[in-house]
Amino acid sequence: MTEPTDETPVSQTAQLYDNLRAAILTLDIAPGERISERGLEARFHASRTPVRAALSRLEREGLILHEGRSWTVTPIDLDEIASLAELRGVLEPAAARLAVARADDGALAEVRAHLDALRPTPDRESGIRMGSTFHLDLAALGDNRFITDAIADALTRLERTRWIEVRTPEARDAAWDEHSAILDAVQAGNADAAADLLAAHVAGTNDRLLAFIAQERRRLRGAGMAIVGSTER
């Protein structure tokens, strides 16, 4: 009989965390939906300790809330979305300026290769992956891990709504074009243009997202999505 090792619960926790996080971010588990430890144990064939560890990690990321003995997937919060757009509107242009000042040609070429490899395809998952990869790659070029970590946290909190943002091929094409123009400015060493284009990109995607949710709010709620807050800020 094989004895369990110290790595077994760690591995199970990581796998459960990845699976549960993916289910939340892709809206397979809807915003506002209640989840229980026992239900997750049965759904993912996991024991109690890994389930609790995964839930605690997701709570720290802001994806779930602990309410008494139960857990709830965080609702789509329009006020939070607006606040995160304000945060990104400050941090990401600053990161672009740092990238112009600090990135070498090799690092810039790698970001361009990643962007070209993720040119939009008909599926939304590629569009989300393209957006996250580009924004994190660009932030990393600035070589300030605190800025990069803050941007990564904001993107995680926004990931569920980004499924809405990239819902059409036209939206994915437009996002790729904007990303490419930002990178062109960074590669040209034009910090002002890169910062301005990035600020406009963040503001534009946020405005389009909030406008769509305002228009479709009743239908989205009817589909089981909990939405709180106001689209007016």
Protein backbone atom coordinates (compact mmCIF):
# COMPACT_ATOMS: atom_id res chain seq x y z
CA MET A 1 0.00 0.00 0.00
CA THR A 2 1.36 3.40 -1.00
CA GLU A 3 1.75 5.76 1.91
CA PRO A 4 0.44 9.32 1.41
CA THR A 5 3.11 11.96 1.15
CA ASP A 6 3.23 15.58 2.25
CA GLU A 7 2.84 16.55 -1.41
CA THR A 8 -0.54 14.81 -1.79
CA PRO A 9 -2.76 17.42 -0.02
CA VAL A 10 -0.78 20.26 -1.59
CA SER A 11 -1.29 18.81 -5.07
CA GLN A 12 -4.99 18.19 -4.45
CA THR A 13 -5.47 21.72 -3.14
CA ALA A 14 -3.75 23.24 -6.17
CA GLN A 15 -5.83 21.15 -8.58
CA LEU A 16 -9.07 21.95 -6.77
CA TYR A 17 -8.19 25.65 -6.64
CA ASP A 18 -7.48 25.71 -10.38
CA ASN A 19 -10.71 23.88 -11.25
CA LEU A 20 -12.91 25.93 -8.93
CA ARG A 21 -11.33 29.21 -10.01
CA ALA A 22 -11.86 28.32 -13.67
CA ALA A 23 -15.52 27.47 -12.99
CA ILE A 24 -16.05 30.86 -11.34
CA LEU A 25 -14.17 32.92 -13.92
CA THR A 26 -15.93 31.29 -16.87
CA LEU A 27 -19.31 31.80 -15.14
CA ASP A 28 -19.92 28.05 -14.93
CA ILE A 29 -20.58 28.86 -11.27
CA ALA A 30 -22.61 32.06 -11.49
CA PRO A 31 -22.01 35.31 -9.60
CA GLY A 32 -24.13 35.23 -6.46
CA GLU A 33 -24.41 31.43 -6.41
CA ARG A 34 -24.09 29.77 -2.99
CA ILE A 35 -21.58 26.96 -2.67
CA SER A 36 -20.94 24.56 0.20
CA GLU A 37 -17.88 22.66 1.30
CA ARG A 38 -19.75 19.36 1.10
CA GLY A 39 -21.04 20.17 -2.35
CA LEU A 40 -17.55 20.95 -3.58
CA GLU A 41 -16.19 17.77 -1.98
CA ALA A 42 -18.71 15.76 -4.01
CA ARG A 43 -18.37 17.79 -7.22
CA PHE A 44 -14.57 17.69 -7.35
CA HIS A 45 -14.03 14.40 -5.47
CA ALA A 46 -11.87 16.16 -2.89
CA SER A 47 -11.48 15.95 0.86
CA ARG A 48 -12.40 18.71 3.31
CA THR A 49 -8.93 20.15 3.99
CA PRO A 50 -8.08 20.92 0.32
CA VAL A 51 -11.58 22.34 -0.20
CA ARG A 52 -11.19 24.76 2.70
CA ALA A 53 -7.68 25.76 1.60
CA ALA A 54 -8.87 26.47 -1.97
CA LEU A 55 -11.86 28.47 -0.70
CA SER A 56 -9.65 30.58 1.55
CA ARG A 57 -7.35 31.37 -1.36
CA LEU A 58 -10.27 32.36 -3.59
CA GLU A 59 -11.64 34.54 -0.80
CA ARG A 60 -8.35 36.44 -0.66
CA GLU A 61 -8.64 37.03 -4.41
CA GLY A 62 -12.11 38.52 -3.94
CA LEU A 63 -13.89 35.83 -5.97
CA ILE A 64 -15.96 34.39 -3.11
CA LEU A 65 -17.40 35.57 0.19
CA HIS A 66 -17.61 33.65 3.47
CA GLU A 67 -21.03 34.01 5.09
CA GLY A 68 -21.49 31.99 8.26
CA ARG A 69 -21.18 28.34 7.30
CA SER A 70 -21.64 28.90 3.59
CA TRP A 71 -19.79 30.57 0.76
CA THR A 72 -21.13 32.77 -2.03
CA VAL A 73 -19.55 33.61 -5.35
CA THR A 74 -18.98 37.35 -5.37
CA PRO A 75 -21.65 39.22 -7.38
CA ILE A 76 -20.70 41.31 -10.38
CA ASP A 77 -20.09 44.64 -8.64
CA LEU A 78 -20.37 47.61 -11.00
CA ASP A 79 -18.89 50.01 -8.45
CA GLU A 80 -15.86 47.73 -8.10
CA ILE A 81 -15.49 47.53 -11.88
CA ALA A 82 -15.44 51.33 -12.08
CA SER A 83 -12.92 51.58 -9.25
CA LEU A 84 -10.66 49.01 -10.87
CA ALA A 85 -10.80 50.95 -14.13
CA GLU A 86 -9.64 54.04 -12.24
CA LEU A 87 -6.80 52.05 -10.68
CA ARG A 88 -5.73 50.62 -14.03
CA GLY A 89 -6.00 54.05 -15.62
CA VAL A 90 -3.30 55.25 -13.23
CA LEU A 91 -1.06 52.19 -12.97
CA GLU A 92 -0.96 50.90 -16.54
CA PRO A 93 0.09 54.16 -18.22
CA ALA A 94 2.80 54.45 -15.55
CA ALA A 95 3.88 50.88 -16.34
CA ALA A 96 4.04 51.78 -20.04
CA ARG A 97 6.32 54.72 -19.29
CA LEU A 98 8.59 52.45 -17.25
CA ALA A 99 8.62 49.94 -20.10
CA VAL A 100 9.85 52.63 -22.50
CA ALA A 101 12.59 53.58 -20.06
CA ARG A 102 13.71 50.09 -19.05
CA ALA A 103 12.84 47.39 -21.59
CA ASP A 104 15.45 46.17 -24.05
CA ASP A 105 14.80 45.16 -27.66
CA GLY A 106 14.79 41.44 -26.85
CA ALA A 107 12.10 41.77 -24.18
CA LEU A 108 9.97 43.94 -26.45
CA ALA A 109 10.31 41.38 -29.25
CA GLU A 110 9.05 38.66 -26.88
CA VAL A 111 5.96 40.70 -26.03
CA ARG A 112 5.32 41.29 -29.73
CA ALA A 113 5.65 37.54 -30.38
CA HIS A 114 3.16 36.74 -27.61
CA LEU A 115 0.70 39.30 -28.96
CA ASP A 116 0.99 38.02 -32.53
CA ALA A 117 0.59 34.41 -31.38
CA LEU A 118 -2.66 35.27 -29.60
CA ARG A 119 -4.26 37.17 -32.46
CA PRO A 120 -7.99 36.76 -31.92
CA THR A 121 -9.71 33.58 -33.03
CA PRO A 122 -13.45 32.85 -33.04
CA ASP A 123 -13.45 31.75 -29.39
CA ARG A 124 -13.69 34.13 -26.45
CA GLU A 125 -11.17 32.23 -24.35
CA SER A 126 -8.40 33.25 -26.76
CA GLY A 127 -9.54 36.86 -26.52
CA ILE A 128 -9.32 36.83 -22.72
CA ARG A 129 -5.94 35.10 -22.77
CA MET A 130 -4.66 37.62 -25.30
CA GLY A 131 -5.74 40.55 -23.15
CA SER A 132 -4.34 39.21 -19.89
CA THR A 133 -1.06 38.17 -21.49
CA PHE A 134 -0.53 41.54 -23.13
CA HIS A 135 -1.30 43.68 -20.10
CA LEU A 136 0.85 41.55 -17.78
CA ASP A 137 3.70 41.30 -20.31
CA LEU A 138 3.69 45.07 -20.71
CA ALA A 139 3.59 45.65 -16.95
CA ALA A 140 6.50 43.24 -16.44
CA LEU A 141 8.63 45.25 -18.87
CA GLY A 142 8.61 48.09 -16.35
CA ASP A 143 10.43 45.87 -13.84
CA ASN A 144 8.37 46.92 -10.82
CA ARG A 145 6.78 43.87 -9.23
CA PHE A 146 4.43 45.88 -7.04
CA ILE A 147 2.86 47.54 -10.08
CA THR A 148 2.73 44.21 -11.92
CA ASP A 149 1.11 42.45 -8.94
CA ALA A 150 -1.51 45.20 -8.57
CA ILE A 151 -2.40 45.00 -12.27
CA ALA A 152 -2.57 41.18 -12.08
CA ASP A 153 -4.96 41.40 -9.11
CA ALA A 154 -7.18 43.89 -10.95
CA LEU A 155 -7.33 41.67 -14.03
CA THR A 156 -8.27 38.65 -11.91
CA ARG A 157 -11.12 40.56 -10.31
CA LEU A 158 -12.31 41.67 -13.76
CA GLU A 159 -11.92 38.35 -15.54
CA ARG A 160 -15.54 37.25 -15.24
CA THR A 161 -16.80 40.44 -16.86
CA ARG A 162 -14.18 40.20 -19.59
CA TRP A 163 -16.11 37.20 -20.94
CA ILE A 164 -18.77 39.78 -21.74
CA GLU A 165 -16.27 42.32 -23.04
CA VAL A 166 -14.84 39.99 -25.73
CA ARG A 167 -18.17 38.44 -26.70
CA THR A 168 -17.88 39.25 -30.45
CA PRO A 169 -15.12 38.75 -33.04
CA GLU A 170 -15.28 42.50 -33.74
CA ALA A 171 -14.55 43.30 -30.09
CA ARG A 172 -11.60 40.91 -30.07
CA ASP A 173 -10.20 42.42 -33.28
CA ALA A 174 -10.54 45.94 -31.88
CA ALA A 175 -8.76 44.94 -28.65
CA TRP A 176 -5.89 43.38 -30.59
CA ASP A 177 -5.52 46.49 -32.75
CA GLU A 178 -5.38 48.72 -29.66
CA HIS A 179 -2.83 46.46 -27.97
CA SER A 180 -0.69 46.47 -31.08
CA ALA A 181 -0.76 50.28 -31.32
CA ILE A 182 0.29 50.58 -27.66
CA LEU A 183 3.20 48.21 -28.20
CA ASP A 184 4.22 50.10 -31.36
CA ALA A 185 4.50 53.27 -29.28
CA VAL A 186 6.57 51.51 -26.60
CA GLN A 187 8.90 50.04 -29.21
CA ALA A 188 9.26 53.48 -30.79
CA GLY A 189 10.29 54.90 -27.41
CA ASN A 190 7.32 57.28 -27.31
CA ALA A 191 6.31 57.19 -23.64
CA ASP A 192 3.62 59.88 -23.94
CA ALA A 193 1.86 58.14 -26.82
CA ALA A 194 2.07 54.72 -25.13
CA ALA A 195 0.64 56.08 -21.89
CA ASP A 196 -2.15 57.99 -23.66
CA LEU A 197 -3.12 55.00 -25.82
CA LEU A 198 -3.18 52.69 -22.83
CA ALA A 199 -5.28 55.07 -20.75
CA ALA A 200 -7.75 55.41 -23.64
CA HIS A 201 -7.85 51.62 -24.09
CA VAL A 202 -8.64 50.98 -20.40
CA ALA A 203 -11.29 53.71 -20.32
CA GLY A 204 -12.86 52.59 -23.59
CA THR A 205 -13.17 48.93 -22.65
CA ASN A 206 -14.65 49.89 -19.27
CA ASP A 207 -17.19 52.25 -20.85
CA ARG A 208 -18.27 49.61 -23.38
CA LEU A 209 -18.58 46.96 -20.70
CA LEU A 210 -20.69 49.10 -18.37
CA ALA A 211 -22.89 50.25 -21.26
CA PHE A 212 -23.57 46.63 -22.26
CA ILE A 213 -24.36 45.59 -18.69
CA ALA A 214 -26.70 48.57 -18.26
CA GLN A 215 -28.52 47.59 -21.43
CA GLU A 216 -28.66 43.86 -20.68
CA ARG A 217 -28.88 43.93 -16.88
CA ARG A 218 -32.35 42.45 -16.65
CA ARG A 219 -31.53 39.63 -19.06
CA LEU A 220 -28.24 38.85 -17.29
CA ARG A 221 -30.03 38.71 -13.96
CA GLY A 222 -32.62 36.43 -15.51
CA ALA A 223 -29.78 34.12 -16.51
CA GLY A 224 -28.81 33.85 -12.85
CA MET A 225 -26.05 36.47 -12.62
CA ALA A 226 -26.11 38.57 -9.44
CA ILE A 227 -25.27 42.19 -10.30
CA VAL A 228 -24.93 44.97 -7.73
CA GLY A 229 -23.93 48.62 -7.87
CA SER A 230 -24.56 51.34 -10.42
CA THR A 231 -23.26 51.92 -13.93
CA GLU A 232 -23.17 55.66 -13.16
CA ARG A 233 -20.04 56.94 -11.41
